[in-house]
Amino acid sequence: MQLWQDADEPTIFYTYSWWNHADDLENYRISTLFQDTWGRVKNGSVRHPGLFRRTR
């Protein structure tokens, strides 16, 4: 996973990650790490968080 910062809006950040299978992403989303981290990040967000899924 990588943390990216928007080139035009320095207060906007994105996480970028690669998953081999949808189940891998789902397991991460139900992990303690995700729940703890996202809970803190979400509380400090001004904008509504979004999710973008892509395939290669």
C-alpha atoms as a PDB file:
ATOM      1  CA  MET A   1       0.000   0.000   0.000  1.00  0.00           C
ATOM      2  CA  GLN A   2       1.201   3.510  -0.796  1.00  0.00           C
ATOM      3  CA  LEU A   3       0.030   6.915   0.386  1.00  0.00           C
ATOM      4  CA  TRP A   4      -0.256   9.405  -2.473  1.00  0.00           C
ATOM      5  CA  GLN A   5      -0.810  13.155  -2.266  1.00  0.00           C
ATOM      6  CA  ASP A   6      -2.790  15.048  -4.888  1.00  0.00           C
ATOM      7  CA  ALA A   7      -0.526  17.212  -7.070  1.00  0.00           C
ATOM      8  CA  ASP A   8      -2.985  20.126  -7.192  1.00  0.00           C
ATOM      9  CA  GLU A   9      -4.641  19.839  -3.772  1.00  0.00           C
ATOM     10  CA  PRO A  10      -2.036  19.166  -1.058  1.00  0.00           C
ATOM     11  CA  THR A  11      -4.725  18.430   1.545  1.00  0.00           C
ATOM     12  CA  ILE A  12      -6.065  15.488  -0.473  1.00  0.00           C
ATOM     13  CA  PHE A  13      -4.474  12.074   0.006  1.00  0.00           C
ATOM     14  CA  TYR A  14      -5.106   8.676  -1.535  1.00  0.00           C
ATOM     15  CA  THR A  15      -4.024   5.183  -0.656  1.00  0.00           C
ATOM     16  CA  TYR A  16      -3.027   2.987  -3.560  1.00  0.00           C
ATOM     17  CA  SER A  17      -2.828  -0.762  -3.165  1.00  0.00           C
ATOM     18  CA  TRP A  18      -2.727  -3.900  -5.281  1.00  0.00           C
ATOM     19  CA  TRP A  19      -4.735  -7.031  -4.546  1.00  0.00           C
ATOM     20  CA  ASN A  20      -4.508 -10.363  -6.328  1.00  0.00           C
ATOM     21  CA  HIS A  21      -8.057 -11.351  -5.464  1.00  0.00           C
ATOM     22  CA  ALA A  22     -11.198  -9.600  -4.242  1.00  0.00           C
ATOM     23  CA  ASP A  23     -11.092 -11.802  -1.131  1.00  0.00           C
ATOM     24  CA  ASP A  24      -7.663 -10.376  -0.248  1.00  0.00           C
ATOM     25  CA  LEU A  25      -9.104  -6.864  -0.252  1.00  0.00           C
ATOM     26  CA  GLU A  26     -12.093  -7.956   1.795  1.00  0.00           C
ATOM     27  CA  ASN A  27      -9.840  -9.642   4.370  1.00  0.00           C
ATOM     28  CA  TYR A  28      -7.844  -6.414   4.659  1.00  0.00           C
ATOM     29  CA  ARG A  29     -11.024  -4.364   5.073  1.00  0.00           C
ATOM     30  CA  ILE A  30     -12.151  -6.500   8.025  1.00  0.00           C
ATOM     31  CA  SER A  31      -8.691  -6.520   9.644  1.00  0.00           C
ATOM     32  CA  THR A  32      -7.913  -4.758  12.921  1.00  0.00           C
ATOM     33  CA  LEU A  33      -5.283  -2.648  11.146  1.00  0.00           C
ATOM     34  CA  PHE A  34      -7.829  -1.299   8.664  1.00  0.00           C
ATOM     35  CA  GLN A  35     -10.557  -0.758  11.253  1.00  0.00           C
ATOM     36  CA  ASP A  36      -8.254   1.125  13.650  1.00  0.00           C
ATOM     37  CA  THR A  37      -6.515   3.195  10.992  1.00  0.00           C
ATOM     38  CA  TRP A  38      -9.591   4.018   8.925  1.00  0.00           C
ATOM     39  CA  GLY A  39     -11.533   4.990  12.047  1.00  0.00           C
ATOM     40  CA  ARG A  40      -8.932   7.669  12.840  1.00  0.00           C
ATOM     41  CA  VAL A  41      -8.587   8.861   9.248  1.00  0.00           C
ATOM     42  CA  LYS A  42     -12.334   9.008   8.635  1.00  0.00           C
ATOM     43  CA  ASN A  43     -12.915  11.156  11.707  1.00  0.00           C
ATOM     44  CA  GLY A  44     -10.438  13.757  10.421  1.00  0.00           C
ATOM     45  CA  SER A  45     -11.806  13.867   6.873  1.00  0.00           C
ATOM     46  CA  VAL A  46     -13.663  16.872   5.576  1.00  0.00           C
ATOM     47  CA  ARG A  47     -14.798  15.254   2.338  1.00  0.00           C
ATOM     48  CA  HIS A  48     -16.631  11.993   1.953  1.00  0.00           C
ATOM     49  CA  PRO A  49     -14.134   9.179   1.348  1.00  0.00           C
ATOM     50  CA  GLY A  50     -14.342   7.306  -1.914  1.00  0.00           C
ATOM     51  CA  LEU A  51     -13.286   3.950  -3.291  1.00  0.00           C
ATOM     52  CA  PHE A  52     -12.068   3.361  -6.806  1.00  0.00           C
ATOM     53  CA  ARG A  53     -11.591  -0.169  -8.124  1.00  0.00           C
ATOM     54  CA  ARG A  54      -9.548  -0.825 -11.225  1.00  0.00           C
ATOM     55  CA  THR A  55      -8.312  -3.890 -13.085  1.00  0.00           C
ATOM     56  CA  ARG A  56      -5.254  -4.233 -15.277  1.00  0.00           C
END
